Amino acid sequence: MADHDDFEDNQYPDNDEFVPYVTAGNLQQRSGAKVCLWGKVTKVSASEGFLVKTVDDQEVQVKLRKPLSEALEG
């Protein structure tokens, strides 16, 4: 799990306790905020991050600032 300081959340500074779920359709409205994206990982690439197929049947590319040190689960 990443440290709290690893996240940039300038637009929504009071977003420490409540992290909203978003779909691909409303993800852009929360640009810069911490969010939960619900979906299924469909493709993993060491150089490009991974693709998530969301509950509204769209694919979102997730790029990480630094590589993960452990496998993801859940």
N, C-alpha and C. Protein backbone atom coordinates (compact mmCIF):
# COMPACT_ATOMS: atom_id res chain seq x y z
N MET A 1 0.84 -1.18 0.00
CA MET A 1 0.00 0.00 0.00
C MET A 1 0.89 1.24 0.00
N ALA A 2 0.53 2.22 -0.78
CA ALA A 2 1.33 3.44 -0.88
C ALA A 2 1.15 4.32 0.34
N ASP A 3 2.16 5.10 0.64
CA ASP A 3 2.06 6.07 1.72
C ASP A 3 1.12 7.18 1.34
N HIS A 4 0.51 7.81 2.33
CA HIS A 4 -0.42 8.91 2.09
C HIS A 4 0.26 10.04 1.31
N ASP A 5 1.53 10.30 1.58
CA ASP A 5 2.24 11.40 0.93
C ASP A 5 2.54 11.15 -0.54
N ASP A 6 2.36 9.92 -1.02
CA ASP A 6 2.61 9.61 -2.42
C ASP A 6 1.52 10.15 -3.33
N PHE A 7 0.38 10.55 -2.77
CA PHE A 7 -0.75 11.01 -3.57
C PHE A 7 -0.74 12.53 -3.66
N GLU A 8 -1.03 13.04 -4.85
CA GLU A 8 -1.23 14.47 -5.02
C GLU A 8 -2.72 14.70 -5.10
N ASP A 9 -3.24 15.54 -4.25
CA ASP A 9 -4.68 15.76 -4.19
C ASP A 9 -4.95 17.23 -3.91
N ASN A 10 -4.42 18.10 -4.75
CA ASN A 10 -4.52 19.54 -4.53
C ASN A 10 -5.93 20.07 -4.71
N GLN A 11 -6.68 19.50 -5.65
CA GLN A 11 -8.01 20.02 -5.95
C GLN A 11 -9.02 19.63 -4.87
N TYR A 12 -8.82 18.50 -4.22
CA TYR A 12 -9.74 18.02 -3.20
C TYR A 12 -8.98 17.77 -1.90
N PRO A 13 -8.53 18.82 -1.21
CA PRO A 13 -7.67 18.61 -0.04
C PRO A 13 -8.38 17.95 1.14
N ASP A 14 -9.72 18.00 1.19
CA ASP A 14 -10.45 17.39 2.30
C ASP A 14 -10.84 15.95 1.99
N ASN A 15 -10.19 15.34 1.02
CA ASN A 15 -10.54 14.01 0.55
C ASN A 15 -9.77 12.92 1.29
N ASP A 16 -9.39 13.14 2.55
CA ASP A 16 -8.61 12.16 3.30
C ASP A 16 -9.46 11.02 3.83
N GLU A 17 -10.70 11.28 4.19
CA GLU A 17 -11.53 10.26 4.80
C GLU A 17 -12.45 9.59 3.79
N PHE A 18 -13.00 10.34 2.86
CA PHE A 18 -13.95 9.81 1.89
C PHE A 18 -13.30 9.77 0.52
N VAL A 19 -13.13 8.59 -0.04
CA VAL A 19 -12.58 8.44 -1.38
C VAL A 19 -13.70 7.87 -2.25
N PRO A 20 -14.25 8.68 -3.17
CA PRO A 20 -15.43 8.26 -3.92
C PRO A 20 -15.11 7.21 -4.98
N TYR A 21 -16.09 6.34 -5.23
CA TYR A 21 -16.01 5.43 -6.36
C TYR A 21 -16.38 6.19 -7.62
N VAL A 22 -15.66 5.92 -8.71
CA VAL A 22 -15.96 6.56 -9.99
C VAL A 22 -16.03 5.49 -11.07
N THR A 23 -16.66 5.85 -12.18
CA THR A 23 -16.66 5.02 -13.37
C THR A 23 -15.79 5.73 -14.41
N ALA A 24 -15.53 5.07 -15.51
CA ALA A 24 -14.75 5.72 -16.57
C ALA A 24 -15.46 6.97 -17.07
N GLY A 25 -16.80 6.93 -17.08
CA GLY A 25 -17.58 8.06 -17.57
C GLY A 25 -17.44 9.32 -16.74
N ASN A 26 -17.22 9.20 -15.43
CA ASN A 26 -17.10 10.41 -14.61
C ASN A 26 -15.71 10.58 -14.00
N LEU A 27 -14.75 9.80 -14.47
CA LEU A 27 -13.38 9.89 -13.95
C LEU A 27 -12.75 11.25 -14.22
N GLN A 28 -12.98 11.81 -15.40
CA GLN A 28 -12.37 13.09 -15.76
C GLN A 28 -12.86 14.23 -14.87
N GLN A 29 -14.06 14.14 -14.33
CA GLN A 29 -14.58 15.17 -13.44
C GLN A 29 -13.81 15.23 -12.13
N ARG A 30 -13.10 14.16 -11.79
CA ARG A 30 -12.34 14.09 -10.54
C ARG A 30 -10.84 14.14 -10.78
N SER A 31 -10.42 14.76 -11.86
CA SER A 31 -9.00 14.84 -12.19
C SER A 31 -8.23 15.47 -11.04
N GLY A 32 -7.18 14.81 -10.60
CA GLY A 32 -6.35 15.31 -9.51
C GLY A 32 -6.77 14.82 -8.14
N ALA A 33 -7.88 14.10 -8.05
CA ALA A 33 -8.38 13.63 -6.75
C ALA A 33 -8.07 12.15 -6.57
N LYS A 34 -8.03 11.72 -5.31
CA LYS A 34 -7.94 10.29 -5.01
C LYS A 34 -9.32 9.70 -5.23
N VAL A 35 -9.39 8.62 -5.99
CA VAL A 35 -10.66 7.96 -6.27
C VAL A 35 -10.47 6.45 -6.23
N CYS A 36 -11.58 5.74 -6.14
CA CYS A 36 -11.60 4.28 -6.29
C CYS A 36 -12.23 3.98 -7.63
N LEU A 37 -11.55 3.21 -8.45
CA LEU A 37 -12.07 2.82 -9.75
C LEU A 37 -12.39 1.34 -9.68
N TRP A 38 -13.64 1.00 -9.88
CA TRP A 38 -14.09 -0.37 -9.76
C TRP A 38 -14.08 -1.02 -11.13
N GLY A 39 -13.36 -2.14 -11.25
CA GLY A 39 -13.31 -2.83 -12.52
C GLY A 39 -12.44 -4.07 -12.45
N LYS A 40 -12.13 -4.61 -13.62
CA LYS A 40 -11.33 -5.82 -13.73
C LYS A 40 -10.09 -5.52 -14.57
N VAL A 41 -8.92 -5.91 -14.07
CA VAL A 41 -7.69 -5.73 -14.82
C VAL A 41 -7.71 -6.68 -16.01
N THR A 42 -7.54 -6.12 -17.22
CA THR A 42 -7.59 -6.93 -18.43
C THR A 42 -6.23 -7.13 -19.09
N LYS A 43 -5.28 -6.24 -18.79
CA LYS A 43 -3.95 -6.34 -19.40
C LYS A 43 -2.94 -5.68 -18.48
N VAL A 44 -1.79 -6.32 -18.32
CA VAL A 44 -0.71 -5.78 -17.49
C VAL A 44 0.54 -5.66 -18.35
N SER A 45 1.20 -4.51 -18.26
CA SER A 45 2.44 -4.28 -18.99
C SER A 45 3.44 -3.63 -18.04
N ALA A 46 4.64 -4.15 -17.99
CA ALA A 46 5.66 -3.60 -17.10
C ALA A 46 6.00 -2.16 -17.44
N SER A 47 5.92 -1.79 -18.72
CA SER A 47 6.30 -0.44 -19.12
C SER A 47 5.12 0.53 -19.21
N GLU A 48 3.91 0.01 -19.44
CA GLU A 48 2.77 0.89 -19.67
C GLU A 48 1.74 0.88 -18.55
N GLY A 49 1.93 0.12 -17.49
CA GLY A 49 0.94 0.04 -16.42
C GLY A 49 -0.04 -1.07 -16.69
N PHE A 50 -1.34 -0.79 -16.52
CA PHE A 50 -2.34 -1.83 -16.78
C PHE A 50 -3.65 -1.22 -17.24
N LEU A 51 -4.48 -2.06 -17.89
CA LEU A 51 -5.80 -1.65 -18.34
C LEU A 51 -6.85 -2.22 -17.41
N VAL A 52 -7.85 -1.41 -17.09
CA VAL A 52 -8.96 -1.83 -16.23
C VAL A 52 -10.25 -1.65 -17.01
N LYS A 53 -11.04 -2.72 -17.12
CA LYS A 53 -12.37 -2.62 -17.72
C LYS A 53 -13.33 -2.29 -16.58
N THR A 54 -13.96 -1.12 -16.67
CA THR A 54 -14.77 -0.61 -15.58
C THR A 54 -16.20 -1.14 -15.63
N VAL A 55 -16.96 -0.86 -14.58
CA VAL A 55 -18.33 -1.35 -14.49
C VAL A 55 -19.24 -0.73 -15.55
N ASP A 56 -18.83 0.41 -16.14
CA ASP A 56 -19.62 0.99 -17.23
C ASP A 56 -19.07 0.56 -18.59
N ASP A 57 -18.34 -0.59 -18.60
CA ASP A 57 -17.89 -1.27 -19.81
C ASP A 57 -16.95 -0.43 -20.68
N GLN A 58 -16.07 0.33 -20.04
CA GLN A 58 -15.04 1.08 -20.74
C GLN A 58 -13.69 0.67 -20.19
N GLU A 59 -12.63 0.88 -20.98
CA GLU A 59 -11.29 0.55 -20.50
C GLU A 59 -10.53 1.82 -20.14
N VAL A 60 -9.83 1.75 -19.01
CA VAL A 60 -9.04 2.87 -18.50
C VAL A 60 -7.61 2.38 -18.35
N GLN A 61 -6.65 3.16 -18.87
CA GLN A 61 -5.25 2.81 -18.69
C GLN A 61 -4.75 3.46 -17.41
N VAL A 62 -4.15 2.66 -16.54
CA VAL A 62 -3.61 3.13 -15.27
C VAL A 62 -2.09 3.11 -15.38
N LYS A 63 -1.47 4.28 -15.22
CA LYS A 63 -0.02 4.39 -15.25
C LYS A 63 0.47 4.72 -13.85
N LEU A 64 1.47 4.01 -13.40
CA LEU A 64 2.03 4.22 -12.07
C LEU A 64 3.26 5.11 -12.15
N ARG A 65 3.46 5.94 -11.14
CA ARG A 65 4.64 6.81 -11.11
C ARG A 65 5.91 6.01 -10.87
N LYS A 66 5.78 4.96 -10.07
CA LYS A 66 6.92 4.08 -9.81
C LYS A 66 6.41 2.65 -9.75
N PRO A 67 7.26 1.69 -10.08
CA PRO A 67 6.82 0.29 -10.10
C PRO A 67 6.36 -0.19 -8.73
N LEU A 68 5.45 -1.14 -8.74
CA LEU A 68 5.00 -1.75 -7.50
C LEU A 68 6.08 -2.65 -6.93
N SER A 69 6.15 -2.73 -5.62
CA SER A 69 7.13 -3.60 -4.99
C SER A 69 6.53 -4.94 -4.61
N GLU A 70 5.20 -5.07 -4.77
CA GLU A 70 4.53 -6.33 -4.46
C GLU A 70 3.35 -6.52 -5.40
N ALA A 71 2.87 -7.75 -5.50
CA ALA A 71 1.75 -8.06 -6.39
C ALA A 71 0.45 -7.46 -5.86
N LEU A 72 -0.45 -7.10 -6.77
CA LEU A 72 -1.77 -6.60 -6.39
C LEU A 72 -2.73 -7.76 -6.23
N GLU A 73 -3.67 -7.61 -5.31
CA GLU A 73 -4.72 -8.61 -5.10
C GLU A 73 -6.04 -7.91 -4.92
N GLY A 74 -7.11 -8.63 -5.23
CA GLY A 74 -8.43 -8.10 -4.91
C GLY A 74 -9.25 -7.69 -6.07
